[in-house]
């Protein structure tokens, strides 16, 4: 699969994380051509002071307002704590069959790695997972598949970095 992914720093994510994703997405199942976009900030519009978190859906809408080429996907990358109504937090969110996804390192980095899994592996899994939604994939019941739902860092650590054969076959470019 070949796709174009424009990585958009949201807030002030680590340059190390951005550089890692620019490289990793090329080698992932997505085989993405990656580009770095200008940062999206400030993001006060998404902040909920009662929760002390940022509404990921508002960030997705802002990403959609950026100019993009046909078929290009935006991946917002942030260090901010994200949420959607009804959940305490999210690692990321995507527009199903849409042009935008966002991931956060906020809850991925401070937790010690389990089973020797690296922080980079967690970030890679969440990025590919959310981009998978933009290509029409839903959550997969197979624990080893990157499209498996993660409700905790532990669940992120135990799933794989790649699509299972069924999900890979469903990818829609």
N, C-alpha and C. Protein backbone atom coordinates (compact mmCIF):
# COMPACT_ATOMS: atom_id res chain seq x y z
N UNK A 1 0.84 -1.18 0.00
CA UNK A 1 0.00 0.00 0.00
C UNK A 1 0.89 1.24 0.00
N UNK A 2 0.54 2.22 -0.77
CA UNK A 2 1.25 3.50 -0.78
C UNK A 2 0.25 4.58 -0.44
N UNK A 3 0.63 5.45 0.47
CA UNK A 3 -0.23 6.57 0.82
C UNK A 3 0.64 7.76 1.18
N UNK A 4 0.02 8.92 1.25
CA UNK A 4 0.73 10.14 1.64
C UNK A 4 0.21 10.58 3.00
N UNK A 5 1.13 10.78 3.93
CA UNK A 5 0.77 11.20 5.28
C UNK A 5 1.55 12.46 5.62
N UNK A 6 0.81 13.50 5.93
CA UNK A 6 1.41 14.76 6.36
C UNK A 6 1.35 14.80 7.89
N UNK A 7 2.50 14.81 8.53
CA UNK A 7 2.57 14.84 9.99
C UNK A 7 2.52 16.29 10.46
N UNK A 8 1.56 16.56 11.34
CA UNK A 8 1.33 17.91 11.83
C UNK A 8 1.59 17.96 13.33
N UNK A 9 2.65 18.62 13.78
CA UNK A 9 2.84 18.79 15.22
C UNK A 9 1.68 19.63 15.78
N UNK A 10 1.07 19.16 16.85
CA UNK A 10 -0.03 19.86 17.51
C UNK A 10 0.45 20.22 18.90
N UNK A 11 0.57 21.51 19.18
CA UNK A 11 1.19 21.92 20.43
C UNK A 11 2.70 21.86 20.27
N UNK A 12 3.37 21.19 21.20
CA UNK A 12 4.84 21.11 21.15
C UNK A 12 5.34 19.69 21.39
N UNK A 13 5.01 18.77 20.49
CA UNK A 13 5.51 17.40 20.68
C UNK A 13 7.02 17.34 20.50
N UNK A 14 7.61 16.32 21.04
CA UNK A 14 9.05 16.11 20.94
C UNK A 14 9.47 15.96 19.48
N UNK A 15 10.56 16.61 19.13
CA UNK A 15 11.10 16.48 17.77
C UNK A 15 11.54 15.04 17.52
N UNK A 16 11.99 14.36 18.57
CA UNK A 16 12.38 12.95 18.47
C UNK A 16 11.19 12.10 18.01
N UNK A 17 10.01 12.36 18.55
CA UNK A 17 8.81 11.62 18.18
C UNK A 17 8.44 11.90 16.72
N UNK A 18 8.48 13.16 16.33
CA UNK A 18 8.15 13.54 14.96
C UNK A 18 9.11 12.86 13.97
N UNK A 19 10.40 12.95 14.24
CA UNK A 19 11.40 12.34 13.35
C UNK A 19 11.21 10.83 13.27
N UNK A 20 10.90 10.21 14.41
CA UNK A 20 10.66 8.77 14.43
C UNK A 20 9.49 8.41 13.52
N UNK A 21 8.38 9.13 13.63
CA UNK A 21 7.20 8.83 12.81
C UNK A 21 7.45 9.08 11.33
N UNK A 22 8.19 10.13 11.02
CA UNK A 22 8.52 10.39 9.62
C UNK A 22 9.24 9.19 9.00
N UNK A 23 10.11 8.55 9.78
CA UNK A 23 10.84 7.37 9.29
C UNK A 23 9.98 6.10 9.36
N UNK A 24 9.33 5.90 10.50
CA UNK A 24 8.63 4.64 10.74
C UNK A 24 7.48 4.40 9.77
N UNK A 25 6.70 5.41 9.47
CA UNK A 25 5.52 5.21 8.63
C UNK A 25 5.91 4.77 7.21
N UNK A 26 7.12 5.09 6.80
CA UNK A 26 7.61 4.63 5.49
C UNK A 26 7.81 3.12 5.49
N UNK A 27 8.25 2.58 6.63
CA UNK A 27 8.55 1.15 6.74
C UNK A 27 7.38 0.33 7.27
N UNK A 28 6.29 0.97 7.62
CA UNK A 28 5.12 0.27 8.15
C UNK A 28 4.33 -0.38 7.02
N UNK A 29 3.28 -1.09 7.37
CA UNK A 29 2.40 -1.69 6.36
C UNK A 29 1.78 -0.64 5.44
N UNK A 30 1.73 0.61 5.89
CA UNK A 30 1.16 1.68 5.07
C UNK A 30 2.11 2.13 3.96
N UNK A 31 3.41 1.87 4.13
CA UNK A 31 4.43 2.30 3.16
C UNK A 31 4.21 3.77 2.77
N UNK A 32 4.05 4.59 3.77
CA UNK A 32 3.66 5.99 3.55
C UNK A 32 4.80 6.87 3.07
N UNK A 33 4.45 7.77 2.17
CA UNK A 33 5.32 8.90 1.86
C UNK A 33 4.97 9.92 2.94
N UNK A 34 5.95 10.32 3.73
CA UNK A 34 5.66 11.22 4.84
C UNK A 34 6.22 12.61 4.59
N UNK A 35 5.50 13.59 5.09
CA UNK A 35 5.88 14.99 4.96
C UNK A 35 5.63 15.66 6.30
N UNK A 36 6.42 16.64 6.61
CA UNK A 36 6.24 17.40 7.84
C UNK A 36 5.53 18.70 7.51
N UNK A 37 4.50 19.00 8.26
CA UNK A 37 3.71 20.21 8.07
C UNK A 37 4.08 21.24 9.14
N UNK A 38 3.67 22.46 8.91
CA UNK A 38 3.81 23.50 9.93
C UNK A 38 2.99 23.08 11.15
N UNK A 39 3.44 23.46 12.35
CA UNK A 39 2.71 23.09 13.57
C UNK A 39 1.33 23.74 13.64
N UNK A 40 0.44 23.07 14.31
CA UNK A 40 -0.89 23.59 14.60
C UNK A 40 -0.86 24.05 16.06
N UNK A 41 -0.79 25.35 16.25
CA UNK A 41 -0.85 25.90 17.60
C UNK A 41 -1.17 27.37 17.51
N UNK A 42 -1.72 27.98 18.49
CA UNK A 42 -2.12 27.36 19.76
C UNK A 42 -3.37 26.51 19.58
N UNK A 43 -3.63 25.66 20.54
CA UNK A 43 -4.81 24.79 20.47
C UNK A 43 -5.74 25.02 21.66
N UNK A 44 -5.77 26.25 22.12
CA UNK A 44 -6.65 26.61 23.24
C UNK A 44 -8.11 26.29 22.93
N UNK A 45 -8.48 26.36 21.65
CA UNK A 45 -9.85 26.11 21.22
C UNK A 45 -10.33 24.71 21.62
N UNK A 46 -9.41 23.78 21.81
CA UNK A 46 -9.78 22.40 22.13
C UNK A 46 -9.71 22.10 23.64
N UNK A 47 -9.25 23.07 24.42
CA UNK A 47 -9.02 22.83 25.85
C UNK A 47 -10.32 22.89 26.65
N UNK A 48 -10.50 21.91 27.53
CA UNK A 48 -11.63 21.87 28.44
C UNK A 48 -11.07 22.06 29.85
N UNK A 49 -11.22 23.27 30.44
CA UNK A 49 -10.63 23.52 31.75
C UNK A 49 -11.20 22.64 32.86
N UNK A 50 -12.44 22.22 32.74
CA UNK A 50 -13.03 21.36 33.77
C UNK A 50 -12.34 20.00 33.81
N UNK A 51 -11.92 19.52 32.66
CA UNK A 51 -11.25 18.22 32.58
C UNK A 51 -9.73 18.33 32.57
N UNK A 52 -9.23 19.53 32.28
CA UNK A 52 -7.79 19.76 32.09
C UNK A 52 -7.25 18.85 30.98
N UNK A 53 -8.04 18.72 29.93
CA UNK A 53 -7.71 17.90 28.77
C UNK A 53 -8.14 18.61 27.50
N UNK A 54 -7.72 18.05 26.36
CA UNK A 54 -8.03 18.62 25.06
C UNK A 54 -8.96 17.69 24.30
N UNK A 55 -10.00 18.26 23.70
CA UNK A 55 -10.97 17.49 22.94
C UNK A 55 -10.36 17.12 21.59
N UNK A 56 -10.12 15.84 21.39
CA UNK A 56 -9.44 15.40 20.16
C UNK A 56 -10.28 15.68 18.92
N UNK A 57 -11.60 15.63 19.03
CA UNK A 57 -12.46 15.90 17.88
C UNK A 57 -12.29 17.32 17.37
N UNK A 58 -12.09 18.27 18.26
CA UNK A 58 -11.86 19.66 17.85
C UNK A 58 -10.54 19.78 17.09
N UNK A 59 -9.54 19.04 17.52
CA UNK A 59 -8.24 19.05 16.82
C UNK A 59 -8.39 18.43 15.43
N UNK A 60 -9.16 17.35 15.32
CA UNK A 60 -9.40 16.74 14.01
C UNK A 60 -10.04 17.74 13.05
N UNK A 61 -11.01 18.49 13.54
CA UNK A 61 -11.68 19.49 12.69
C UNK A 61 -10.69 20.55 12.22
N UNK A 62 -9.78 20.96 13.10
CA UNK A 62 -8.76 21.95 12.72
C UNK A 62 -7.81 21.37 11.68
N UNK A 63 -7.46 20.10 11.81
CA UNK A 63 -6.59 19.46 10.82
C UNK A 63 -7.26 19.43 9.44
N UNK A 64 -8.56 19.22 9.43
CA UNK A 64 -9.28 19.17 8.15
C UNK A 64 -9.28 20.51 7.43
N UNK A 65 -9.11 21.59 8.17
CA UNK A 65 -9.11 22.92 7.56
C UNK A 65 -7.78 23.24 6.87
N UNK A 66 -6.77 22.42 7.08
CA UNK A 66 -5.49 22.63 6.42
C UNK A 66 -5.60 22.23 4.95
N UNK A 67 -4.87 22.90 4.10
CA UNK A 67 -4.87 22.54 2.68
C UNK A 67 -4.17 21.20 2.50
N UNK A 68 -4.75 20.34 1.69
CA UNK A 68 -4.11 19.05 1.43
C UNK A 68 -4.43 18.56 0.04
N UNK A 69 -3.56 17.71 -0.44
CA UNK A 69 -3.76 17.10 -1.76
C UNK A 69 -4.78 15.97 -1.65
N UNK A 70 -5.42 15.65 -2.75
CA UNK A 70 -6.38 14.56 -2.78
C UNK A 70 -5.72 13.26 -2.33
N UNK A 71 -6.38 12.58 -1.41
CA UNK A 71 -5.86 11.31 -0.93
C UNK A 71 -4.84 11.42 0.19
N UNK A 72 -4.40 12.62 0.48
CA UNK A 72 -3.41 12.82 1.54
C UNK A 72 -4.10 12.74 2.90
N UNK A 73 -3.41 12.15 3.86
CA UNK A 73 -3.91 12.04 5.23
C UNK A 73 -3.10 12.96 6.13
N UNK A 74 -3.76 13.53 7.13
CA UNK A 74 -3.08 14.32 8.15
C UNK A 74 -3.00 13.49 9.41
N UNK A 75 -1.82 13.45 10.01
CA UNK A 75 -1.64 12.81 11.31
C UNK A 75 -1.15 13.88 12.27
N UNK A 76 -2.05 14.32 13.15
CA UNK A 76 -1.66 15.24 14.20
C UNK A 76 -0.93 14.47 15.29
N UNK A 77 0.15 15.03 15.78
CA UNK A 77 0.94 14.39 16.84
C UNK A 77 1.11 15.40 17.95
N UNK A 78 0.72 15.01 19.16
CA UNK A 78 0.75 15.94 20.28
C UNK A 78 1.23 15.28 21.56
N UNK A 79 1.66 16.12 22.48
CA UNK A 79 2.02 15.68 23.82
C UNK A 79 0.89 15.98 24.81
N UNK A 80 -0.21 16.53 24.32
CA UNK A 80 -1.33 16.94 25.16
C UNK A 80 -2.21 15.75 25.53
N UNK A 81 -2.90 15.86 26.66
CA UNK A 81 -3.81 14.82 27.13
C UNK A 81 -5.14 14.96 26.39
N UNK A 82 -5.51 13.95 25.61
CA UNK A 82 -6.71 14.01 24.78
C UNK A 82 -7.87 13.24 25.40
N UNK A 83 -9.08 13.67 25.03
CA UNK A 83 -10.28 12.94 25.45
C UNK A 83 -11.36 13.07 24.40
N UNK A 84 -12.35 12.21 24.49
CA UNK A 84 -13.62 12.35 23.78
C UNK A 84 -14.70 12.18 24.84
N UNK A 85 -15.86 12.79 24.65
CA UNK A 85 -16.93 12.63 25.64
C UNK A 85 -17.25 11.15 25.88
N UNK A 86 -17.41 10.81 27.14
CA UNK A 86 -17.73 9.43 27.51
C UNK A 86 -16.53 8.58 27.86
N UNK A 87 -15.33 9.07 27.58
CA UNK A 87 -14.11 8.33 27.93
C UNK A 87 -13.20 9.21 28.78
N UNK A 88 -12.44 8.59 29.67
CA UNK A 88 -11.51 9.34 30.51
C UNK A 88 -10.38 9.95 29.70
N UNK A 89 -9.95 9.23 28.67
CA UNK A 89 -8.86 9.70 27.81
C UNK A 89 -8.87 8.87 26.54
N UNK A 90 -8.14 9.33 25.54
CA UNK A 90 -7.88 8.53 24.34
C UNK A 90 -6.41 8.67 23.98
N UNK A 91 -5.85 7.61 23.40
CA UNK A 91 -4.49 7.68 22.86
C UNK A 91 -4.52 8.40 21.52
N UNK A 92 -5.68 8.37 20.87
CA UNK A 92 -5.83 9.02 19.57
C UNK A 92 -7.25 8.92 19.09
N UNK A 93 -7.51 9.59 17.98
CA UNK A 93 -8.83 9.55 17.35
C UNK A 93 -8.62 9.76 15.86
N UNK A 94 -9.54 9.23 15.07
CA UNK A 94 -9.45 9.39 13.62
C UNK A 94 -10.84 9.56 13.04
N UNK A 95 -10.89 10.17 11.89
CA UNK A 95 -12.13 10.26 11.13
C UNK A 95 -12.20 9.01 10.25
N UNK A 96 -13.20 8.17 10.51
CA UNK A 96 -13.35 6.93 9.76
C UNK A 96 -13.52 7.24 8.28
N UNK A 97 -12.64 6.67 7.47
CA UNK A 97 -12.58 6.93 6.02
C UNK A 97 -12.44 8.42 5.73
N UNK A 98 -11.77 9.11 6.62
CA UNK A 98 -11.57 10.55 6.47
C UNK A 98 -10.12 10.88 6.19
N UNK A 99 -9.81 12.17 6.32
CA UNK A 99 -8.46 12.63 5.97
C UNK A 99 -7.62 12.98 7.19
N UNK A 100 -8.13 12.75 8.40
CA UNK A 100 -7.37 13.21 9.57
C UNK A 100 -7.42 12.22 10.72
N UNK A 101 -6.30 12.18 11.44
CA UNK A 101 -6.16 11.41 12.66
C UNK A 101 -5.25 12.20 13.59
N UNK A 102 -5.35 11.93 14.88
CA UNK A 102 -4.47 12.58 15.86
C UNK A 102 -4.08 11.54 16.90
N UNK A 103 -2.83 11.58 17.34
CA UNK A 103 -2.38 10.71 18.43
C UNK A 103 -1.69 11.57 19.48
N UNK A 104 -1.69 11.05 20.71
CA UNK A 104 -1.04 11.75 21.81
C UNK A 104 -0.03 10.84 22.49
N UNK A 105 1.09 11.41 22.85
CA UNK A 105 2.11 10.66 23.60
C UNK A 105 1.91 10.82 25.11
N UNK A 106 0.95 11.64 25.52
CA UNK A 106 0.78 12.00 26.92
C UNK A 106 0.72 10.78 27.84
N UNK A 107 -0.06 9.80 27.50
CA UNK A 107 -0.22 8.61 28.35
C UNK A 107 0.64 7.44 27.90
N UNK A 108 1.35 7.59 26.81
CA UNK A 108 2.21 6.52 26.31
C UNK A 108 3.61 6.59 26.89
N UNK A 109 4.12 7.80 27.07
CA UNK A 109 5.52 7.96 27.48
C UNK A 109 5.79 7.78 28.97
N UNK A 110 4.93 8.28 29.88
CA UNK A 110 5.31 8.20 31.29
C UNK A 110 5.22 6.81 31.91
N UNK A 111 4.48 5.90 31.27
CA UNK A 111 4.30 4.57 31.82
C UNK A 111 5.49 3.69 31.44
N UNK A 112 6.09 3.01 32.40
CA UNK A 112 7.23 2.15 32.08
C UNK A 112 6.86 1.11 31.02
N UNK A 113 7.79 0.82 30.15
CA UNK A 113 7.57 -0.16 29.09
C UNK A 113 7.38 -1.55 29.69
N UNK A 114 6.47 -2.30 29.10
CA UNK A 114 6.15 -3.65 29.56
C UNK A 114 6.67 -4.63 28.51
N UNK A 115 7.19 -5.76 28.95
CA UNK A 115 7.68 -6.80 28.05
C UNK A 115 8.77 -6.29 27.12
N UNK A 116 9.52 -5.29 27.53
CA UNK A 116 10.59 -4.76 26.69
C UNK A 116 10.10 -3.91 25.53
N UNK A 117 8.80 -3.60 25.51
CA UNK A 117 8.24 -2.76 24.45
C UNK A 117 8.75 -1.33 24.64
N UNK A 118 9.17 -0.71 23.57
CA UNK A 118 9.70 0.64 23.67
C UNK A 118 8.59 1.68 23.52
N UNK A 119 8.89 2.88 23.97
CA UNK A 119 7.96 4.00 23.80
C UNK A 119 7.71 4.22 22.30
N UNK A 120 8.76 4.09 21.50
CA UNK A 120 8.61 4.26 20.06
C UNK A 120 7.63 3.24 19.49
N UNK A 121 7.67 2.02 19.99
CA UNK A 121 6.74 1.00 19.52
C UNK A 121 5.30 1.39 19.84
N UNK A 122 5.06 1.91 21.02
CA UNK A 122 3.71 2.36 21.39
C UNK A 122 3.23 3.46 20.45
N UNK A 123 4.11 4.41 20.19
CA UNK A 123 3.76 5.54 19.32
C UNK A 123 3.48 5.03 17.90
N UNK A 124 4.31 4.11 17.43
CA UNK A 124 4.12 3.54 16.09
C UNK A 124 2.78 2.83 15.99
N UNK A 125 2.45 2.03 17.00
CA UNK A 125 1.19 1.29 16.99
C UNK A 125 0.00 2.23 16.95
N UNK A 126 0.02 3.25 17.78
CA UNK A 126 -1.12 4.18 17.80
C UNK A 126 -1.24 4.96 16.51
N UNK A 127 -0.12 5.35 15.92
CA UNK A 127 -0.16 6.09 14.65
C UNK A 127 -0.73 5.22 13.54
N UNK A 128 -0.24 4.01 13.39
CA UNK A 128 -0.74 3.12 12.34
C UNK A 128 -2.19 2.76 12.60
N UNK A 129 -2.56 2.53 13.86
CA UNK A 129 -3.94 2.20 14.23
C UNK A 129 -4.89 3.32 13.79
N UNK A 130 -4.58 4.55 14.17
CA UNK A 130 -5.47 5.67 13.83
C UNK A 130 -5.51 5.91 12.32
N UNK A 131 -4.37 5.81 11.66
CA UNK A 131 -4.38 5.95 10.20
C UNK A 131 -5.17 4.81 9.55
N UNK A 132 -5.14 3.63 10.14
CA UNK A 132 -5.95 2.51 9.64
C UNK A 132 -7.42 2.87 9.59
N UNK A 133 -7.91 3.58 10.61
CA UNK A 133 -9.31 4.02 10.61
C UNK A 133 -9.59 4.94 9.42
N UNK A 134 -8.64 5.82 9.09
CA UNK A 134 -8.86 6.74 7.97
C UNK A 134 -8.96 5.99 6.64
N UNK A 135 -8.44 4.77 6.61
CA UNK A 135 -8.51 3.94 5.40
C UNK A 135 -9.66 2.94 5.47
N UNK A 136 -10.56 3.10 6.41
CA UNK A 136 -11.76 2.27 6.46
C UNK A 136 -11.69 1.04 7.34
N UNK A 137 -10.66 0.90 8.14
CA UNK A 137 -10.57 -0.25 9.03
C UNK A 137 -11.25 0.05 10.36
N UNK A 138 -11.92 -0.96 10.91
CA UNK A 138 -12.54 -0.86 12.23
C UNK A 138 -11.66 -1.63 13.22
N UNK A 139 -12.08 -1.66 14.49
CA UNK A 139 -11.31 -2.40 15.48
C UNK A 139 -11.36 -3.90 15.17
N UNK A 140 -10.24 -4.54 15.38
CA UNK A 140 -10.08 -5.96 15.07
C UNK A 140 -10.09 -6.77 16.38
N UNK A 141 -10.76 -7.93 16.39
CA UNK A 141 -10.78 -8.75 17.60
C UNK A 141 -9.48 -9.51 17.86
N UNK A 142 -8.58 -9.52 16.88
CA UNK A 142 -7.32 -10.25 17.04
C UNK A 142 -6.33 -9.40 17.85
N UNK A 143 -5.93 -9.90 19.00
CA UNK A 143 -5.08 -9.13 19.93
C UNK A 143 -3.74 -8.74 19.32
N UNK A 144 -3.22 -9.52 18.38
CA UNK A 144 -1.91 -9.23 17.81
C UNK A 144 -1.98 -8.17 16.71
N UNK A 145 -3.18 -7.87 16.22
CA UNK A 145 -3.34 -6.91 15.12
C UNK A 145 -3.24 -5.48 15.63
N UNK A 146 -2.60 -4.62 14.87
CA UNK A 146 -2.45 -3.22 15.26
C UNK A 146 -3.82 -2.53 15.35
N UNK A 147 -4.85 -3.09 14.71
CA UNK A 147 -6.19 -2.50 14.77
C UNK A 147 -6.98 -2.96 15.99
N UNK A 148 -6.38 -3.75 16.85
CA UNK A 148 -7.01 -4.14 18.10
C UNK A 148 -7.17 -2.90 18.98
N UNK A 149 -8.34 -2.77 19.64
CA UNK A 149 -8.61 -1.61 20.49
C UNK A 149 -7.73 -1.65 21.73
N UNK A 150 -7.19 -0.51 22.10
CA UNK A 150 -6.37 -0.40 23.32
C UNK A 150 -7.04 0.54 24.30
N UNK A 151 -7.39 0.00 25.45
CA UNK A 151 -7.98 0.81 26.50
C UNK A 151 -6.96 1.14 27.59
N UNK A 152 -5.75 0.62 27.43
CA UNK A 152 -4.69 0.87 28.40
C UNK A 152 -3.34 0.73 27.70
N UNK A 153 -2.30 1.23 28.34
CA UNK A 153 -0.96 1.08 27.79
C UNK A 153 -0.59 -0.40 27.71
N UNK A 154 -1.02 -1.18 28.69
CA UNK A 154 -0.76 -2.62 28.67
C UNK A 154 -1.30 -3.25 27.38
N UNK A 155 -2.54 -2.89 27.01
CA UNK A 155 -3.13 -3.44 25.78
C UNK A 155 -2.39 -2.96 24.54
N UNK A 156 -1.88 -1.75 24.58
CA UNK A 156 -1.05 -1.26 23.47
C UNK A 156 0.24 -2.07 23.39
N UNK A 157 0.83 -2.35 24.53
CA UNK A 157 2.09 -3.09 24.55
C UNK A 157 1.96 -4.51 24.01
N UNK A 158 0.83 -5.17 24.25
CA UNK A 158 0.73 -6.57 23.84
C UNK A 158 0.30 -6.75 22.39
N UNK A 159 -0.24 -5.70 21.75
CA UNK A 159 -0.62 -5.89 20.34
C UNK A 159 0.58 -5.67 19.43
N UNK A 160 0.47 -6.12 18.20
CA UNK A 160 1.56 -5.99 17.25
C UNK A 160 1.58 -4.64 16.56
N UNK A 161 2.62 -4.41 15.77
CA UNK A 161 2.77 -3.16 15.02
C UNK A 161 2.21 -3.26 13.61
N UNK A 162 1.75 -4.43 13.22
CA UNK A 162 1.31 -4.64 11.83
C UNK A 162 -0.16 -5.07 11.79
N UNK A 163 -0.75 -4.93 10.60
CA UNK A 163 -2.12 -5.38 10.38
C UNK A 163 -2.13 -6.90 10.26
N UNK A 164 -3.18 -7.54 10.77
CA UNK A 164 -3.35 -8.97 10.52
C UNK A 164 -3.69 -9.14 9.03
N UNK A 165 -3.66 -10.35 8.54
CA UNK A 165 -3.90 -10.57 7.11
C UNK A 165 -5.31 -10.13 6.70
N UNK A 166 -6.28 -10.30 7.58
CA UNK A 166 -7.65 -9.89 7.24
C UNK A 166 -7.76 -8.37 7.13
N UNK A 167 -7.20 -7.66 8.09
CA UNK A 167 -7.24 -6.19 8.04
C UNK A 167 -6.43 -5.66 6.86
N UNK A 168 -5.28 -6.26 6.63
CA UNK A 168 -4.45 -5.82 5.50
C UNK A 168 -5.21 -5.97 4.19
N UNK A 169 -5.99 -7.03 4.08
CA UNK A 169 -6.79 -7.26 2.87
C UNK A 169 -7.93 -6.27 2.70
N UNK A 170 -8.37 -5.67 3.81
CA UNK A 170 -9.48 -4.71 3.76
C UNK A 170 -9.03 -3.27 3.54
N UNK A 171 -7.74 -3.01 3.63
CA UNK A 171 -7.26 -1.63 3.50
C UNK A 171 -7.77 -0.99 2.22
N UNK A 172 -8.34 0.21 2.36
CA UNK A 172 -8.87 0.94 1.22
C UNK A 172 -8.08 2.22 1.04
N UNK A 173 -7.42 2.33 -0.08
CA UNK A 173 -6.63 3.54 -0.36
C UNK A 173 -7.49 4.52 -1.12
